[in-house]
């Protein structure tokens, strides 16, 4: 049986987007920089299932799901740093 998908309301998405807007600008700027390597990210089997489900629901790769969740939060909490 497929997992039940709960989507946030458009108002909630808009509110979250507004909160993360400054971090998103920094994240997008950094994302254009040349890539220098990969990161190992450990997860349990249930966490991997959750990531797979998120990727299916959002219709994007697992990599993009992680990028769009992790980088804005790090930018908001620890950025902005050096862009060079």
Protein backbone atom coordinates (compact mmCIF):
# COMPACT_ATOMS: atom_id res chain seq x y z
CA UNK A 1 0.00 0.00 0.00
CA UNK A 2 1.33 3.44 -0.92
CA UNK A 3 2.09 5.86 1.93
CA UNK A 4 -0.44 8.63 2.52
CA UNK A 5 0.86 11.91 1.16
CA UNK A 6 0.13 15.02 3.20
CA UNK A 7 0.82 18.28 1.41
CA UNK A 8 1.00 21.62 3.25
CA UNK A 9 -1.50 24.31 2.34
CA UNK A 10 -0.39 26.97 -0.18
CA UNK A 11 -0.46 29.58 2.61
CA UNK A 12 1.90 27.50 4.74
CA UNK A 13 4.25 26.92 1.80
CA UNK A 14 4.27 30.66 1.10
CA UNK A 15 5.02 31.39 4.76
CA UNK A 16 7.88 28.88 4.82
CA UNK A 17 9.26 30.26 1.53
CA UNK A 18 9.19 33.82 2.88
CA UNK A 19 11.05 32.72 6.00
CA UNK A 20 13.73 30.95 3.97
CA UNK A 21 13.93 33.57 1.18
CA UNK A 22 17.26 35.17 2.24
CA UNK A 23 18.82 31.75 2.75
CA UNK A 24 17.53 30.62 -0.65
CA UNK A 25 19.30 33.51 -2.37
CA UNK A 26 22.61 32.51 -0.76
CA UNK A 27 21.98 28.83 -1.47
CA UNK A 28 21.28 29.48 -5.14
CA UNK A 29 24.41 31.63 -5.44
CA UNK A 30 26.56 28.94 -3.86
CA UNK A 31 24.92 26.22 -5.95
CA UNK A 32 26.27 27.85 -9.13
CA UNK A 33 29.85 27.41 -7.93
CA UNK A 34 31.91 24.51 -9.34
CA UNK A 35 31.37 21.26 -7.46
CA UNK A 36 34.44 19.92 -5.67
CA UNK A 37 33.35 16.49 -4.48
CA UNK A 38 30.69 14.40 -2.89
CA UNK A 39 29.46 13.95 0.66
CA UNK A 40 28.61 10.62 2.24
CA UNK A 41 25.32 10.88 4.06
CA UNK A 42 24.46 7.92 6.26
CA UNK A 43 20.84 6.90 6.70
CA UNK A 44 18.83 4.00 8.07
CA UNK A 45 16.70 1.91 5.76
CA UNK A 46 13.54 3.68 6.95
CA UNK A 47 15.19 7.08 6.35
CA UNK A 48 16.11 5.98 2.83
CA UNK A 49 12.49 4.93 2.27
CA UNK A 50 11.39 8.36 3.47
CA UNK A 51 13.81 10.05 1.08
CA UNK A 52 12.63 7.88 -1.82
CA UNK A 53 9.01 8.77 -1.02
CA UNK A 54 9.84 12.49 -0.85
CA UNK A 55 11.58 12.28 -4.23
CA UNK A 56 8.58 10.55 -5.79
CA UNK A 57 6.08 13.00 -4.31
CA UNK A 58 8.14 16.04 -5.33
CA UNK A 59 8.98 14.48 -8.72
CA UNK A 60 12.69 15.21 -8.37
CA UNK A 61 15.85 13.30 -7.62
CA UNK A 62 16.81 12.31 -4.10
CA UNK A 63 19.88 14.54 -4.48
CA UNK A 64 17.71 17.58 -5.23
CA UNK A 65 15.41 16.82 -2.29
CA UNK A 66 18.38 16.81 0.06
CA UNK A 67 19.93 19.92 -1.52
CA UNK A 68 16.72 21.91 -1.24
CA UNK A 69 16.24 20.95 2.39
CA UNK A 70 19.78 21.06 3.76
CA UNK A 71 21.49 24.05 2.09
CA UNK A 72 18.85 26.71 2.88
CA UNK A 73 18.83 25.66 6.54
CA UNK A 74 22.63 25.76 6.77
CA UNK A 75 22.68 29.17 5.04
CA UNK A 76 20.07 30.53 7.42
CA UNK A 77 21.82 29.22 10.52
CA UNK A 78 25.51 29.57 9.63
CA UNK A 79 25.80 31.73 6.48
CA UNK A 80 26.55 33.88 4.74
CA UNK A 81 30.15 32.88 4.41
CA UNK A 82 32.76 33.41 1.76
CA UNK A 83 31.52 33.09 -1.83
CA UNK A 84 35.00 32.81 -3.25
